[in-house]
Amino acid sequence: MKKTYYTLEQSADLLSTSKNIVNKWLSSGSLIPDKTKGGNTPLFSLKTLKKFDKQNDIDLNANPIRSIPKRDYKVIELFAGGGGLAIGLEKAGLKCALLNEIDRHACATLKNNRPHWNVVEGDIKEVDFTPYRDQIDVVTGGFPCQSFSYAGKGLGFEDARGTMFFEFARCIKETNPAICVGENVRGLMRHDGGDTIKGMISVLDELGYDVIAPQIFKTIFHRVPQKRERLLLVGIRKDLDIDFKFPVAVPDLYTVEDALKKGRLYDCDVPKSGGQKYPKRKAEILNEVPQGGYWRDLSDELQREYMQGSYFLGGGKTGMARRMSWSEPCLTLTCAPAQKQTERCHPEENRPFTVREYARIQTFPDDWEFSGSTTQQYKQIGNAVPVNFAEDVGHSIVHALNTMEKVKSDNIERMSFKKPFIQSKDYDCEDRQKAIS
């Protein structure tokens, strides 16, 4: 296998640290580059970075989990949004039995792109899931993170009432799936001092599910050209023998160039589309920001003009007047690319990313059309689970369900040896089925 080398910026991503910290290691001599590019750009091998590695589960030779479903596995997806998670699960071979979403624009997106999907538009509190009892293999959902108190020995199912997590749990209780997967921002891990996620785990335990220790995933290690982190909360029904493995992190990093230009991710350049624009003066100021730069790369005069009162406050505020770089993954997309605190400016042009560029950075397919105004389209894309990461999650689910099916098959085979077939003149196919069951 060809040896891969990483730039300083990529090395910081791999090590879950900042470029400044890597620079300090480099300046002190504790981190020595394996080679240089163009005479002055340091490059590092994974072996060298392992000395500083906080993500020591990353393996250059690792292969993503890829499994073909042994049968049609059915999924209910809650808080479905614009379809990022649903598309990824579909690509992994899972079948959507029902998708629920309250936003009418997101529902229109789902219905227009997948007319055969059963999209239930409306408040989840009004949805009855009992008709799907014992017919669903997986319940997934990126429920909004709401706090609820955690007291005594454990939080009960009824104590979570009034939160969106309660509705997620209610769907699980009413459908009895083999696996449940909650997806959320990394902040859920420490929300309300960690009590929120403890409460969620307690509720799922009460409902009969063993919760695998929650993990935070960097989507840049899952074919996503974006520094986005997501948390997965996975529960396995206690009465089932299921071997669940989280998606494998692979350090094959993709960049903004991979997202927007023909290459490794897409077979053509990004299609033209509409998008937000900057006011004239803002565009003039951003014209002075270099690729990968932000407000501190401006002259002091322009810094003061652009930052105004924030100029005198502490903190890096690195999202302000921020221009992306072709050679790096994009920063986490938000719902508004022109918002001053979290700007996502095109690497060369003085404008925010367009809708289709936004979608590419979230690894949506080009034929996936978003409904609603430009603002609504950005919102759907910004809130989505990156499709390629969702596909990796889907393959982990398929692999787990396949292990369950294998156990069932082995049990049936063992039972057939315990009850041998004895032929008689009155023995028909129905009797034989009874004998082996």
Protein backbone atom coordinates (compact mmCIF):
# COMPACT_ATOMS: atom_id res chain seq x y z
CA MET A 1 0.00 0.00 0.00
CA LYS A 2 1.25 3.46 -0.87
CA LYS A 3 2.48 5.35 2.18
CA THR A 4 0.33 8.34 3.06
CA TYR A 5 1.69 11.61 4.43
CA TYR A 6 -0.33 14.32 6.17
CA THR A 7 0.05 18.10 6.25
CA LEU A 8 0.24 20.03 9.49
CA GLU A 9 -3.49 20.85 9.28
CA GLN A 10 -4.45 17.24 8.56
CA SER A 11 -2.19 16.04 11.37
CA ALA A 12 -4.02 18.34 13.79
CA ASP A 13 -7.31 16.75 12.71
CA LEU A 14 -5.92 13.25 13.15
CA LEU A 15 -4.60 14.08 16.62
CA SER A 16 -7.77 15.88 17.76
CA THR A 17 -5.80 19.00 18.54
CA SER A 18 -5.14 22.47 17.08
CA LYS A 19 -2.67 23.56 14.42
CA ASN A 20 -1.01 25.76 17.05
CA ILE A 21 -0.26 22.76 19.27
CA VAL A 22 1.22 20.78 16.36
CA ASN A 23 3.29 23.84 15.45
CA LYS A 24 4.65 23.99 19.01
CA TRP A 25 5.65 20.32 18.83
CA LEU A 26 7.30 21.04 15.50
CA SER A 27 9.16 24.12 16.78
CA SER A 28 10.38 22.33 19.91
CA GLY A 29 11.71 19.41 17.90
CA SER A 30 9.49 16.85 19.64
CA LEU A 31 7.67 16.28 16.33
CA ILE A 32 9.93 15.76 13.33
CA PRO A 33 8.46 15.66 9.80
CA ASP A 34 9.10 12.59 7.67
CA LYS A 35 9.53 14.72 4.56
CA THR A 36 8.76 18.17 3.15
CA LYS A 37 6.81 19.32 0.13
CA GLY A 38 8.06 22.21 -1.93
CA GLY A 39 10.98 22.59 0.43
CA ASN A 40 9.09 24.11 3.37
CA THR A 41 5.78 22.28 3.89
CA PRO A 42 6.23 19.56 6.56
CA LEU A 43 4.57 16.18 5.99
CA PHE A 44 4.08 13.46 8.60
CA SER A 45 3.46 9.72 8.41
CA LEU A 46 0.84 8.02 10.55
CA LYS A 47 3.61 6.13 12.34
CA THR A 48 5.21 9.41 13.42
CA LEU A 49 1.88 10.88 14.52
CA LYS A 50 1.07 7.79 16.60
CA LYS A 51 3.48 9.08 19.25
CA PHE A 52 1.01 11.92 19.90
CA ASP A 53 -2.14 10.06 18.89
CA LYS A 54 -5.29 10.45 21.01
CA GLN A 55 -7.27 8.58 18.33
CA ASN A 56 -5.19 5.40 18.58
CA ASP A 57 -7.97 3.27 17.11
CA ILE A 58 -7.26 4.77 13.67
CA ASP A 59 -5.51 2.27 11.43
CA LEU A 60 -4.13 3.20 8.02
CA ASN A 61 -4.86 -0.32 6.79
CA ALA A 62 -8.36 -0.52 8.26
CA ASN A 63 -11.24 -1.35 5.94
CA PRO A 64 -14.75 0.04 6.48
CA ILE A 65 -17.44 -2.46 7.47
CA ARG A 66 -19.37 -3.53 4.40
CA SER A 67 -22.20 -6.06 4.71
CA ILE A 68 -25.03 -7.17 2.43
CA PRO A 69 -28.37 -7.64 4.26
CA LYS A 70 -29.43 -11.28 4.64
CA ARG A 71 -33.05 -10.13 4.34
CA ASP A 72 -35.00 -6.88 4.13
CA TYR A 73 -34.27 -5.04 7.37
CA LYS A 74 -36.88 -2.39 8.15
CA VAL A 75 -36.18 0.99 9.74
CA ILE A 76 -38.28 3.70 11.34
CA GLU A 77 -36.51 7.04 11.27
CA LEU A 78 -37.59 9.87 13.55
CA PHE A 79 -36.72 13.57 13.16
CA ALA A 80 -35.77 12.67 9.58
CA GLY A 81 -35.01 16.21 8.37
CA GLY A 82 -33.83 16.56 4.79
CA GLY A 83 -32.81 12.93 4.44
CA GLY A 84 -29.07 12.64 5.11
CA LEU A 85 -29.36 9.69 7.48
CA ALA A 86 -32.12 8.04 5.45
CA ILE A 87 -30.11 8.14 2.21
CA GLY A 88 -27.07 6.65 3.95
CA LEU A 89 -29.10 3.82 5.48
CA GLU A 90 -30.70 3.18 2.10
CA LYS A 91 -27.26 2.99 0.45
CA ALA A 92 -26.30 0.38 3.05
CA GLY A 93 -29.30 -1.73 2.04
CA LEU A 94 -31.79 -0.92 4.81
CA LYS A 95 -35.47 -0.33 4.01
CA CYS A 96 -37.33 2.70 5.36
CA ALA A 97 -40.74 1.61 6.70
CA LEU A 98 -41.64 5.04 8.10
CA LEU A 99 -40.03 8.47 8.37
CA ASN A 100 -41.41 11.14 10.66
CA GLU A 101 -40.62 14.85 10.41
CA ILE A 102 -42.51 17.96 11.53
CA ASP A 103 -40.94 20.48 9.13
CA ARG A 104 -43.09 20.70 6.00
CA HIS A 105 -40.21 21.75 3.74
CA ALA A 106 -38.09 18.79 4.82
CA CYS A 107 -41.09 16.48 4.33
CA ALA A 108 -41.54 17.84 0.81
CA THR A 109 -37.87 17.09 0.15
CA LEU A 110 -38.30 13.49 1.31
CA LYS A 111 -41.52 12.93 -0.63
CA ASN A 112 -40.27 14.51 -3.85
CA ASN A 113 -37.04 12.51 -3.92
CA ARG A 114 -38.47 9.20 -2.69
CA PRO A 115 -42.20 8.97 -3.54
CA HIS A 116 -42.28 5.37 -2.33
CA TRP A 117 -41.13 6.26 1.19
CA ASN A 118 -43.80 6.37 3.89
CA VAL A 119 -43.25 9.94 5.10
CA VAL A 120 -45.48 10.91 8.04
CA GLU A 121 -45.56 14.68 8.34
CA GLY A 122 -46.45 16.16 11.71
CA ASP A 123 -45.72 16.27 15.43
CA ILE A 124 -44.18 13.01 16.62
CA LYS A 125 -46.39 13.21 19.71
CA GLU A 126 -49.39 12.50 17.47
CA VAL A 127 -47.90 9.42 15.77
CA ASP A 128 -49.04 5.95 16.86
CA PHE A 129 -46.28 3.38 16.28
CA THR A 130 -48.12 0.35 17.71
CA PRO A 131 -49.17 -1.00 14.26
CA TYR A 132 -45.46 -1.66 13.65
CA ARG A 133 -45.02 -3.81 16.76
CA ASP A 134 -42.43 -6.57 16.13
CA GLN A 135 -42.21 -5.59 12.44
CA ILE A 136 -39.28 -3.16 12.74
CA ASP A 137 -35.60 -4.07 13.04
CA VAL A 138 -34.20 -0.61 13.78
CA VAL A 139 -35.41 2.72 15.17
CA THR A 140 -33.13 5.67 14.45
CA GLY A 141 -33.39 9.36 15.19
CA GLY A 142 -31.45 12.56 15.77
CA PHE A 143 -33.65 13.80 18.61
CA PRO A 144 -33.16 17.37 19.86
CA CYS A 145 -31.05 17.48 23.00
CA GLN A 146 -33.27 18.51 25.90
CA SER A 147 -32.27 18.29 29.52
CA PHE A 148 -34.13 16.31 32.13
CA SER A 149 -33.09 15.69 35.72
CA TYR A 150 -31.35 12.52 36.75
CA ALA A 151 -32.04 11.64 40.36
CA GLY A 152 -31.84 8.64 42.65
CA LYS A 153 -30.93 5.24 41.22
CA GLY A 154 -32.10 5.96 37.69
CA LEU A 155 -34.38 7.95 35.46
CA GLY A 156 -37.59 6.19 34.51
CA PHE A 157 -39.32 6.17 31.14
CA GLU A 158 -42.21 8.30 32.40
CA ASP A 159 -39.80 10.82 33.94
CA ALA A 160 -38.54 11.69 30.45
CA ARG A 161 -42.02 12.71 29.30
CA GLY A 162 -42.18 16.10 27.66
CA THR A 163 -38.80 15.74 25.93
CA MET A 164 -38.17 14.63 22.36
CA PHE A 165 -36.09 11.79 23.72
CA PHE A 166 -39.24 10.50 25.41
CA GLU A 167 -40.89 10.29 21.97
CA PHE A 168 -37.85 8.44 20.63
CA ALA A 169 -38.10 6.03 23.57
CA ARG A 170 -41.89 5.70 23.14
CA CYS A 171 -41.41 4.59 19.53
CA ILE A 172 -38.92 1.98 20.73
CA LYS A 173 -41.32 0.77 23.41
CA GLU A 174 -44.22 0.51 20.95
CA THR A 175 -42.29 -1.19 18.12
CA ASN A 176 -39.80 -3.41 20.01
CA PRO A 177 -36.94 -3.20 17.46
CA ALA A 178 -33.76 -5.25 17.68
CA ILE A 179 -31.56 -2.14 17.62
CA CYS A 180 -32.09 1.54 18.37
CA VAL A 181 -29.67 4.25 17.28
CA GLY A 182 -29.75 7.81 18.58
CA GLU A 183 -27.63 10.40 16.77
CA ASN A 184 -26.70 13.78 18.19
CA VAL A 185 -24.05 16.47 18.61
CA ARG A 186 -20.95 15.70 20.68
CA GLY A 187 -22.15 18.20 23.31
CA LEU A 188 -24.78 15.68 24.43
CA MET A 189 -22.01 13.75 26.20
CA ARG A 190 -21.49 16.58 28.71
CA HIS A 191 -24.94 18.21 28.53
CA ASP A 192 -26.25 19.09 32.00
CA GLY A 193 -23.01 17.80 33.51
CA GLY A 194 -23.42 14.41 31.86
CA ASP A 195 -26.78 13.79 33.56
CA THR A 196 -28.77 13.97 30.33
CA ILE A 197 -27.04 11.06 28.63
CA LYS A 198 -27.04 9.07 31.88
CA GLY A 199 -30.78 9.54 31.98
CA MET A 200 -31.17 8.40 28.39
CA ILE A 201 -29.15 5.26 29.03
CA SER A 202 -31.27 4.56 32.12
CA VAL A 203 -34.50 4.89 30.12
CA LEU A 204 -33.29 2.52 27.39
CA ASP A 205 -32.17 0.05 30.05
CA GLU A 206 -35.66 0.13 31.55
CA LEU A 207 -37.12 -0.59 28.11
CA GLY A 208 -34.97 -3.71 27.77
CA TYR A 209 -31.91 -2.47 25.89
CA ASP A 210 -28.22 -2.77 26.67
CA VAL A 211 -26.56 0.50 25.66
CA ILE A 212 -23.11 0.32 24.15
CA ALA A 213 -20.80 2.98 25.58
CA PRO A 214 -21.63 6.10 23.49
CA GLN A 215 -18.94 7.19 21.05
CA ILE A 216 -18.11 10.45 19.30
CA PHE A 217 -17.18 10.18 15.64
CA LYS A 218 -15.18 12.55 13.45
CA THR A 219 -16.86 12.35 10.07
CA ILE A 220 -13.62 13.30 8.28
CA PHE A 221 -12.64 9.65 8.86
CA HIS A 222 -15.78 8.47 7.06
CA ARG A 223 -15.41 9.92 3.53
CA VAL A 224 -16.81 13.31 4.54
CA PRO A 225 -14.88 16.48 3.53
CA GLN A 226 -15.95 18.28 6.69
CA LYS A 227 -14.78 18.59 10.30
CA ARG A 228 -18.08 17.50 11.78
CA GLU A 229 -18.49 15.40 14.92
CA ARG A 230 -21.49 13.26 15.82
CA LEU A 231 -22.37 11.12 18.81
CA LEU A 232 -23.98 7.69 18.47
CA LEU A 233 -26.09 6.13 21.22
CA VAL A 234 -26.77 2.48 20.36
CA GLY A 235 -29.06 0.10 22.24
CA ILE A 236 -29.30 -3.66 21.65
CA ARG A 237 -32.35 -5.61 22.81
CA LYS A 238 -31.32 -7.72 25.78
CA ASP A 239 -33.03 -10.92 24.64
CA LEU A 240 -31.15 -11.03 21.31
CA ASP A 241 -27.65 -12.24 20.47
CA ILE A 242 -26.30 -9.35 18.37
CA ASP A 243 -22.70 -8.36 17.73
CA PHE A 244 -22.64 -4.62 17.00
CA LYS A 245 -19.44 -2.95 15.82
CA PHE A 246 -19.16 0.82 15.47
CA PRO A 247 -18.04 2.23 12.09
CA VAL A 248 -14.31 1.97 11.49
CA ALA A 249 -12.31 5.21 11.31
CA VAL A 250 -10.12 5.35 8.20
CA PRO A 251 -7.63 8.26 7.88
CA ASP A 252 -8.18 8.83 4.17
CA LEU A 253 -9.00 12.52 4.43
CA TYR A 254 -11.11 14.42 1.88
CA THR A 255 -10.99 18.15 1.24
CA VAL A 256 -13.15 20.98 -0.08
CA GLU A 257 -11.58 20.33 -3.47
CA ASP A 258 -12.74 16.71 -3.33
CA ALA A 259 -16.24 17.95 -2.54
CA LEU A 260 -16.57 20.61 -5.23
CA LYS A 261 -14.43 19.30 -8.08
CA LYS A 262 -14.37 16.12 -10.15
CA GLY A 263 -12.28 13.50 -8.41
CA ARG A 264 -12.46 10.94 -5.63
CA LEU A 265 -15.93 11.79 -4.33
CA TYR A 266 -17.83 12.94 -7.42
CA ASP A 267 -17.45 12.26 -11.13
CA CYS A 268 -18.06 15.89 -12.15
CA ASP A 269 -17.63 19.42 -10.83
CA VAL A 270 -20.37 20.72 -8.53
CA PRO A 271 -23.51 21.79 -10.43
CA LYS A 272 -24.43 25.46 -10.49
CA SER A 273 -27.12 26.55 -8.03
CA GLY A 274 -28.43 29.50 -6.09
CA GLY A 275 -27.15 30.67 -2.76
CA GLN A 276 -26.84 33.55 -0.35
CA LYS A 277 -24.77 36.63 -1.17
CA TYR A 278 -22.65 39.00 0.91
CA PRO A 279 -23.38 42.73 1.07
CA LYS A 280 -20.95 44.76 -1.07
CA ARG A 281 -18.72 45.97 1.78
CA LYS A 282 -18.52 42.55 3.40
CA ALA A 283 -17.45 41.00 0.09
CA GLU A 284 -14.75 43.69 -0.25
CA ILE A 285 -13.37 42.88 3.21
CA LEU A 286 -13.46 39.10 2.67
CA ASN A 287 -11.55 39.66 -0.56
CA GLU A 288 -8.56 40.46 1.68
CA VAL A 289 -8.74 37.15 3.57
CA PRO A 290 -6.45 34.41 2.17
CA GLN A 291 -7.44 30.76 1.72
CA GLY A 292 -7.77 29.10 5.11
CA GLY A 293 -7.62 32.49 6.82
CA TYR A 294 -9.95 34.51 9.03
CA TRP A 295 -10.34 38.00 10.50
CA ARG A 296 -6.89 38.11 12.09
CA ASP A 297 -5.37 37.90 8.60
CA LEU A 298 -6.86 41.32 7.81
CA SER A 299 -5.11 44.62 8.39
CA ASP A 300 -5.71 46.12 11.83
CA GLU A 301 -7.92 48.79 10.29
CA LEU A 302 -10.15 46.19 8.58
CA GLN A 303 -10.16 44.02 11.70
CA ARG A 304 -11.61 46.89 13.70
CA GLU A 305 -14.16 47.71 11.02
CA TYR A 306 -15.32 44.15 10.60
CA MET A 307 -15.24 42.97 14.22
CA GLN A 308 -16.49 46.21 15.77
CA GLY A 309 -17.01 45.62 19.53
CA SER A 310 -15.83 42.02 19.28
CA TYR A 311 -12.37 43.28 18.34
CA PHE A 312 -11.69 44.05 22.04
CA LEU A 313 -13.05 40.78 23.41
CA GLY A 314 -10.99 37.71 24.21
CA GLY A 315 -11.09 34.40 22.36
CA GLY A 316 -10.10 33.37 18.88
CA LYS A 317 -13.49 33.79 17.15
CA THR A 318 -11.98 31.77 14.30
CA GLY A 319 -15.31 31.41 12.49
CA MET A 320 -15.54 35.12 11.73
CA ALA A 321 -14.51 36.30 8.25
CA ARG A 322 -13.48 32.70 7.65
CA ARG A 323 -12.49 31.55 4.18
CA MET A 324 -12.22 27.84 3.49
CA SER A 325 -9.19 26.21 1.85
CA TRP A 326 -9.23 23.88 -1.15
CA SER A 327 -6.66 21.63 0.53
CA GLU A 328 -8.46 21.09 3.87
CA PRO A 329 -11.78 19.62 4.98
CA CYS A 330 -14.46 22.27 5.48
CA LEU A 331 -15.35 23.44 8.96
CA THR A 332 -18.68 22.15 10.32
CA LEU A 333 -21.54 23.48 8.23
CA THR A 334 -24.22 25.45 10.03
CA CYS A 335 -27.73 26.36 8.92
CA ALA A 336 -26.60 29.79 7.66
CA PRO A 337 -23.30 30.03 5.71
CA ALA A 338 -23.29 33.84 5.71
CA GLN A 339 -23.78 34.23 9.45
CA LYS A 340 -21.02 36.41 10.88
CA GLN A 341 -20.01 34.07 13.73
CA THR A 342 -19.77 30.95 11.55
CA GLU A 343 -18.94 32.07 8.03
CA ARG A 344 -18.14 29.52 5.36
CA CYS A 345 -16.69 31.53 2.50
CA HIS A 346 -15.74 29.91 -0.80
CA PRO A 347 -11.96 29.31 -1.15
CA GLU A 348 -11.60 31.73 -4.09
CA GLU A 349 -14.84 33.61 -4.68
CA ASN A 350 -16.16 36.24 -2.29
CA ARG A 351 -19.43 34.51 -1.41
CA PRO A 352 -20.82 31.81 0.86
CA PHE A 353 -21.07 28.27 -0.45
CA THR A 354 -24.07 27.72 -2.71
CA VAL A 355 -26.82 25.23 -1.88
CA ARG A 356 -25.30 22.52 -4.07
CA GLU A 357 -21.83 23.17 -2.68
CA TYR A 358 -23.27 22.87 0.81
CA ALA A 359 -24.93 19.58 -0.18
CA ARG A 360 -21.68 18.23 -1.63
CA ILE A 361 -19.79 18.99 1.58
CA GLN A 362 -22.47 16.94 3.38
CA THR A 363 -21.97 14.22 0.68
CA PHE A 364 -25.53 14.38 -0.64
CA PRO A 365 -25.93 13.03 -4.19
CA ASP A 366 -26.33 15.70 -6.87
CA ASP A 367 -29.78 14.44 -7.84
CA TRP A 368 -31.17 15.01 -4.33
CA GLU A 369 -33.28 18.16 -4.63
CA PHE A 370 -34.20 20.30 -1.61
CA SER A 371 -37.61 21.96 -1.24
CA GLY A 372 -38.45 25.38 0.16
CA SER A 373 -36.70 28.73 0.05
CA THR A 374 -32.91 29.04 -0.13
CA THR A 375 -32.87 29.62 3.62
CA GLN A 376 -34.92 26.46 4.21
CA GLN A 377 -32.63 24.45 1.94
CA TYR A 378 -29.52 25.57 3.82
CA LYS A 379 -31.26 24.65 7.07
CA GLN A 380 -32.07 21.12 5.89
CA ILE A 381 -28.51 20.55 4.68
CA GLY A 382 -26.84 22.12 7.72
CA ASN A 383 -28.88 19.98 10.13
CA ALA A 384 -28.33 16.74 8.22
CA VAL A 385 -26.20 13.73 9.04
CA PRO A 386 -23.49 13.52 6.33
CA VAL A 387 -24.64 10.84 3.89
CA ASN A 388 -21.34 8.95 3.68
CA PHE A 389 -21.06 8.74 7.46
CA ALA A 390 -24.70 7.59 7.61
CA GLU A 391 -23.86 4.85 5.12
CA ASP A 392 -21.04 3.63 7.37
CA VAL A 393 -23.49 3.59 10.30
CA GLY A 394 -25.94 1.68 8.11
CA HIS A 395 -23.37 -0.99 7.30
CA SER A 396 -22.62 -1.40 11.01
CA ILE A 397 -26.34 -1.94 11.59
CA VAL A 398 -26.59 -4.43 8.73
CA HIS A 399 -23.56 -6.34 10.02
CA ALA A 400 -25.14 -6.52 13.49
CA LEU A 401 -28.50 -7.72 12.19
CA ASN A 402 -26.77 -10.31 10.03
CA THR A 403 -25.14 -11.75 13.16
CA MET A 404 -28.61 -12.01 14.70
CA GLU A 405 -29.92 -13.82 11.62
CA LYS A 406 -26.98 -16.23 11.72
CA VAL A 407 -27.73 -17.10 15.35
CA LYS A 408 -31.36 -17.75 14.43
CA SER A 409 -30.30 -19.92 11.49
CA ASP A 410 -27.86 -21.90 13.64
CA ASN A 411 -30.55 -22.46 16.29
CA ILE A 412 -33.03 -23.74 13.71
CA GLU A 413 -30.37 -26.07 12.32
CA ARG A 414 -29.61 -27.45 15.77
CA MET A 415 -33.31 -27.95 16.47
CA SER A 416 -33.70 -29.95 13.26
CA PHE A 417 -31.15 -32.48 14.53
CA LYS A 418 -32.93 -32.78 17.89
CA LYS A 419 -36.22 -33.71 16.23
CA PRO A 420 -35.44 -36.14 13.41
CA PHE A 421 -37.90 -36.62 10.59
CA ILE A 422 -39.88 -39.86 10.92
CA GLN A 423 -41.83 -40.70 7.82
CA SER A 424 -45.29 -42.21 7.99
CA LYS A 425 -48.10 -42.48 5.53
CA ASP A 426 -50.01 -39.73 7.34
CA TYR A 427 -47.02 -37.33 7.54
CA ASP A 428 -47.31 -34.26 5.32
CA CYS A 429 -45.36 -31.02 4.88
CA GLU A 430 -47.25 -29.26 7.68
CA ASP A 431 -46.37 -32.01 10.12
CA ARG A 432 -42.72 -31.83 9.14
CA GLN A 433 -42.68 -28.10 9.80
CA LYS A 434 -44.09 -28.72 13.26
CA ALA A 435 -41.39 -31.28 13.95
CA ILE A 436 -38.51 -28.90 13.30
CA SER A 437 -40.12 -25.93 15.08
